[in-house]
């Protein structure tokens, strides 16, 4: 199986005592913002598929319109029957224009995998001005 991953962007990720995650304010196909140039903290849930069992050092990077805006290094531990996951809370982005946010994972051996991008739009262009 080929390795892949997906990202879910939301306002917050909370962890219950029993280990369940609560994703608050999930962005579906678009991140829709009220105003440009306002910093927006996002939470990001990352799920990995098709990783061989073991520890995988990696860097998760985020590019907006092709420009690197954030990256984080860490390790993912995969077992035979697991779907490894990681989450990041409070990642602050500054979107001054509409565009595309792209997530990429680069493993220690140089292998790179890319998730489907998400669009960033401003509300007045989506819903019209009031």
C-alpha atoms as a PDB file:
ATOM      1  CA  UNK A   1       0.000   0.000   0.000  1.00  0.00           C
ATOM      2  CA  UNK A   2       1.232   3.471  -0.814  1.00  0.00           C
ATOM      3  CA  UNK A   3       1.539   5.875   2.115  1.00  0.00           C
ATOM      4  CA  UNK A   4      -0.907   8.771   2.231  1.00  0.00           C
ATOM      5  CA  UNK A   5      -2.382  11.167   4.745  1.00  0.00           C
ATOM      6  CA  UNK A   6      -5.213  13.597   5.138  1.00  0.00           C
ATOM      7  CA  UNK A   7      -5.665  16.792   7.080  1.00  0.00           C
ATOM      8  CA  UNK A   8      -8.774  18.164   8.700  1.00  0.00           C
ATOM      9  CA  UNK A   9      -8.707  21.845   9.612  1.00  0.00           C
ATOM     10  CA  UNK A  10     -10.896  23.109  12.456  1.00  0.00           C
ATOM     11  CA  UNK A  11     -11.049  25.706  15.223  1.00  0.00           C
ATOM     12  CA  UNK A  12     -10.074  23.390  18.092  1.00  0.00           C
ATOM     13  CA  UNK A  13      -9.353  19.752  18.943  1.00  0.00           C
ATOM     14  CA  UNK A  14     -10.177  18.511  22.420  1.00  0.00           C
ATOM     15  CA  UNK A  15      -9.387  15.139  23.951  1.00  0.00           C
ATOM     16  CA  UNK A  16     -11.891  13.409  26.229  1.00  0.00           C
ATOM     17  CA  UNK A  17     -10.816  11.278  29.209  1.00  0.00           C
ATOM     18  CA  UNK A  18     -11.565   8.140  27.189  1.00  0.00           C
ATOM     19  CA  UNK A  19      -9.264   9.221  24.343  1.00  0.00           C
ATOM     20  CA  UNK A  20     -11.979  10.338  21.913  1.00  0.00           C
ATOM     21  CA  UNK A  21     -11.257  13.509  19.973  1.00  0.00           C
ATOM     22  CA  UNK A  22     -13.746  16.342  19.630  1.00  0.00           C
ATOM     23  CA  UNK A  23     -13.222  18.474  16.544  1.00  0.00           C
ATOM     24  CA  UNK A  24     -14.827  21.907  16.943  1.00  0.00           C
ATOM     25  CA  UNK A  25     -15.665  24.122  13.974  1.00  0.00           C
ATOM     26  CA  UNK A  26     -14.558  21.771  11.174  1.00  0.00           C
ATOM     27  CA  UNK A  27     -13.832  23.402   7.815  1.00  0.00           C
ATOM     28  CA  UNK A  28     -15.212  21.206   5.027  1.00  0.00           C
ATOM     29  CA  UNK A  29     -14.114  22.079   1.523  1.00  0.00           C
ATOM     30  CA  UNK A  30     -13.110  25.704   2.219  1.00  0.00           C
ATOM     31  CA  UNK A  31     -11.710  27.783   5.053  1.00  0.00           C
ATOM     32  CA  UNK A  32     -14.003  30.814   4.966  1.00  0.00           C
ATOM     33  CA  UNK A  33     -12.726  33.881   6.804  1.00  0.00           C
ATOM     34  CA  UNK A  34     -14.414  37.140   7.749  1.00  0.00           C
ATOM     35  CA  UNK A  35     -11.579  39.565   7.076  1.00  0.00           C
ATOM     36  CA  UNK A  36      -8.162  39.399   5.429  1.00  0.00           C
ATOM     37  CA  UNK A  37      -4.987  40.143   7.372  1.00  0.00           C
ATOM     38  CA  UNK A  38      -6.366  38.852  10.670  1.00  0.00           C
ATOM     39  CA  UNK A  39      -4.329  36.076  12.273  1.00  0.00           C
ATOM     40  CA  UNK A  40      -6.403  32.910  12.573  1.00  0.00           C
ATOM     41  CA  UNK A  41      -5.435  30.066  14.891  1.00  0.00           C
ATOM     42  CA  UNK A  42      -6.381  26.680  13.454  1.00  0.00           C
ATOM     43  CA  UNK A  43      -6.246  23.157  14.777  1.00  0.00           C
ATOM     44  CA  UNK A  44      -5.112  20.457  12.357  1.00  0.00           C
ATOM     45  CA  UNK A  45      -5.822  16.734  12.630  1.00  0.00           C
ATOM     46  CA  UNK A  46      -3.517  14.560  10.530  1.00  0.00           C
ATOM     47  CA  UNK A  47      -4.206  10.866   9.832  1.00  0.00           C
ATOM     48  CA  UNK A  48      -1.672   8.593   8.133  1.00  0.00           C
ATOM     49  CA  UNK A  49      -2.497   5.553   5.998  1.00  0.00           C
ATOM     50  CA  UNK A  50      -0.328   2.781   4.566  1.00  0.00           C
ATOM     51  CA  UNK A  51       2.733   3.309   6.769  1.00  0.00           C
ATOM     52  CA  UNK A  52       4.859   0.260   7.498  1.00  0.00           C
ATOM     53  CA  UNK A  53       5.092  -0.650  11.199  1.00  0.00           C
ATOM     54  CA  UNK A  54       7.741   1.315  13.054  1.00  0.00           C
ATOM     55  CA  UNK A  55       8.732   4.859  13.929  1.00  0.00           C
ATOM     56  CA  UNK A  56       8.659   7.409  11.113  1.00  0.00           C
ATOM     57  CA  UNK A  57      10.426  10.731  11.653  1.00  0.00           C
ATOM     58  CA  UNK A  58       8.797  13.409   9.520  1.00  0.00           C
ATOM     59  CA  UNK A  59       8.106  17.060   8.905  1.00  0.00           C
ATOM     60  CA  UNK A  60       4.602  18.300   8.177  1.00  0.00           C
ATOM     61  CA  UNK A  61       4.683  21.516   6.182  1.00  0.00           C
ATOM     62  CA  UNK A  62       1.980  23.897   5.062  1.00  0.00           C
ATOM     63  CA  UNK A  63       2.249  26.104   1.996  1.00  0.00           C
ATOM     64  CA  UNK A  64      -0.169  28.872   1.134  1.00  0.00           C
ATOM     65  CA  UNK A  65      -0.183  29.752  -2.555  1.00  0.00           C
ATOM     66  CA  UNK A  66       3.141  27.926  -2.852  1.00  0.00           C
ATOM     67  CA  UNK A  67       4.895  29.774   0.010  1.00  0.00           C
ATOM     68  CA  UNK A  68       5.911  27.908   3.185  1.00  0.00           C
ATOM     69  CA  UNK A  69       3.899  29.310   6.108  1.00  0.00           C
ATOM     70  CA  UNK A  70       4.435  26.663   8.818  1.00  0.00           C
ATOM     71  CA  UNK A  71       6.229  23.385   9.447  1.00  0.00           C
ATOM     72  CA  UNK A  72       6.505  20.957  12.338  1.00  0.00           C
ATOM     73  CA  UNK A  73       8.833  18.001  12.900  1.00  0.00           C
ATOM     74  CA  UNK A  74       8.019  14.892  14.888  1.00  0.00           C
ATOM     75  CA  UNK A  75       7.598  11.131  14.878  1.00  0.00           C
ATOM     76  CA  UNK A  76       4.692   8.906  13.964  1.00  0.00           C
ATOM     77  CA  UNK A  77       4.585   5.390  15.397  1.00  0.00           C
ATOM     78  CA  UNK A  78       2.721   2.930  13.185  1.00  0.00           C
ATOM     79  CA  UNK A  79       1.662  -0.562  14.167  1.00  0.00           C
ATOM     80  CA  UNK A  80       0.230  -3.309  11.980  1.00  0.00           C
ATOM     81  CA  UNK A  81      -3.421  -2.404  12.593  1.00  0.00           C
ATOM     82  CA  UNK A  82      -3.250   1.299  13.444  1.00  0.00           C
ATOM     83  CA  UNK A  83      -4.141   4.538  11.733  1.00  0.00           C
ATOM     84  CA  UNK A  84      -1.439   6.810  13.167  1.00  0.00           C
ATOM     85  CA  UNK A  85      -2.525  10.353  13.860  1.00  0.00           C
ATOM     86  CA  UNK A  86      -1.273  13.650  15.163  1.00  0.00           C
ATOM     87  CA  UNK A  87      -2.939  16.914  15.924  1.00  0.00           C
ATOM     88  CA  UNK A  88      -1.745  20.466  16.239  1.00  0.00           C
ATOM     89  CA  UNK A  89      -3.699  23.134  18.134  1.00  0.00           C
ATOM     90  CA  UNK A  90      -3.267  26.882  17.785  1.00  0.00           C
ATOM     91  CA  UNK A  91      -1.328  26.981  14.513  1.00  0.00           C
ATOM     92  CA  UNK A  92      -1.584  30.659  13.565  1.00  0.00           C
ATOM     93  CA  UNK A  93      -1.943  31.574   9.899  1.00  0.00           C
ATOM     94  CA  UNK A  94      -2.129  35.026   8.314  1.00  0.00           C
ATOM     95  CA  UNK A  95      -4.119  34.941   5.087  1.00  0.00           C
ATOM     96  CA  UNK A  96      -3.900  38.262   3.229  1.00  0.00           C
ATOM     97  CA  UNK A  97      -5.476  36.904   0.067  1.00  0.00           C
ATOM     98  CA  UNK A  98      -7.587  34.015  -1.110  1.00  0.00           C
ATOM     99  CA  UNK A  99      -5.788  30.920  -2.241  1.00  0.00           C
ATOM    100  CA  UNK A 100      -4.875  27.317  -1.562  1.00  0.00           C
ATOM    101  CA  UNK A 101      -3.423  25.780   1.603  1.00  0.00           C
ATOM    102  CA  UNK A 102      -1.381  22.656   0.817  1.00  0.00           C
ATOM    103  CA  UNK A 103      -0.135  20.092   3.356  1.00  0.00           C
ATOM    104  CA  UNK A 104       2.961  17.985   2.702  1.00  0.00           C
ATOM    105  CA  UNK A 105       4.693  15.328   4.803  1.00  0.00           C
ATOM    106  CA  UNK A 106       8.387  14.680   4.225  1.00  0.00           C
ATOM    107  CA  UNK A 107       9.874  11.586   5.837  1.00  0.00           C
ATOM    108  CA  UNK A 108      13.465  11.231   7.034  1.00  0.00           C
ATOM    109  CA  UNK A 109      14.418   9.271   3.873  1.00  0.00           C
ATOM    110  CA  UNK A 110      13.244  12.180   1.676  1.00  0.00           C
ATOM    111  CA  UNK A 111       9.947  10.584   0.629  1.00  0.00           C
ATOM    112  CA  UNK A 112       7.298  13.256   0.236  1.00  0.00           C
ATOM    113  CA  UNK A 113       3.524  12.802   0.205  1.00  0.00           C
ATOM    114  CA  UNK A 114       0.965  15.515  -0.444  1.00  0.00           C
ATOM    115  CA  UNK A 115      -2.614  15.751   0.846  1.00  0.00           C
ATOM    116  CA  UNK A 116      -5.525  17.276  -1.008  1.00  0.00           C
ATOM    117  CA  UNK A 117      -5.417  21.079  -0.676  1.00  0.00           C
ATOM    118  CA  UNK A 118      -8.082  23.240   0.936  1.00  0.00           C
ATOM    119  CA  UNK A 119      -9.209  26.614  -0.418  1.00  0.00           C
ATOM    120  CA  UNK A 120      -9.090  29.795   1.659  1.00  0.00           C
ATOM    121  CA  UNK A 121     -11.824  32.305   0.821  1.00  0.00           C
ATOM    122  CA  UNK A 122     -13.223  35.498   2.305  1.00  0.00           C
ATOM    123  CA  UNK A 123     -16.865  35.522   3.374  1.00  0.00           C
ATOM    124  CA  UNK A 124     -17.868  38.627   1.407  1.00  0.00           C
ATOM    125  CA  UNK A 125     -16.813  36.911  -1.810  1.00  0.00           C
ATOM    126  CA  UNK A 126     -18.603  33.686  -0.899  1.00  0.00           C
ATOM    127  CA  UNK A 127     -21.827  35.098   0.551  1.00  0.00           C
ATOM    128  CA  UNK A 128     -21.849  38.605  -0.981  1.00  0.00           C
ATOM    129  CA  UNK A 129     -21.501  41.913   0.830  1.00  0.00           C
ATOM    130  CA  UNK A 130     -24.255  43.029   3.168  1.00  0.00           C
END
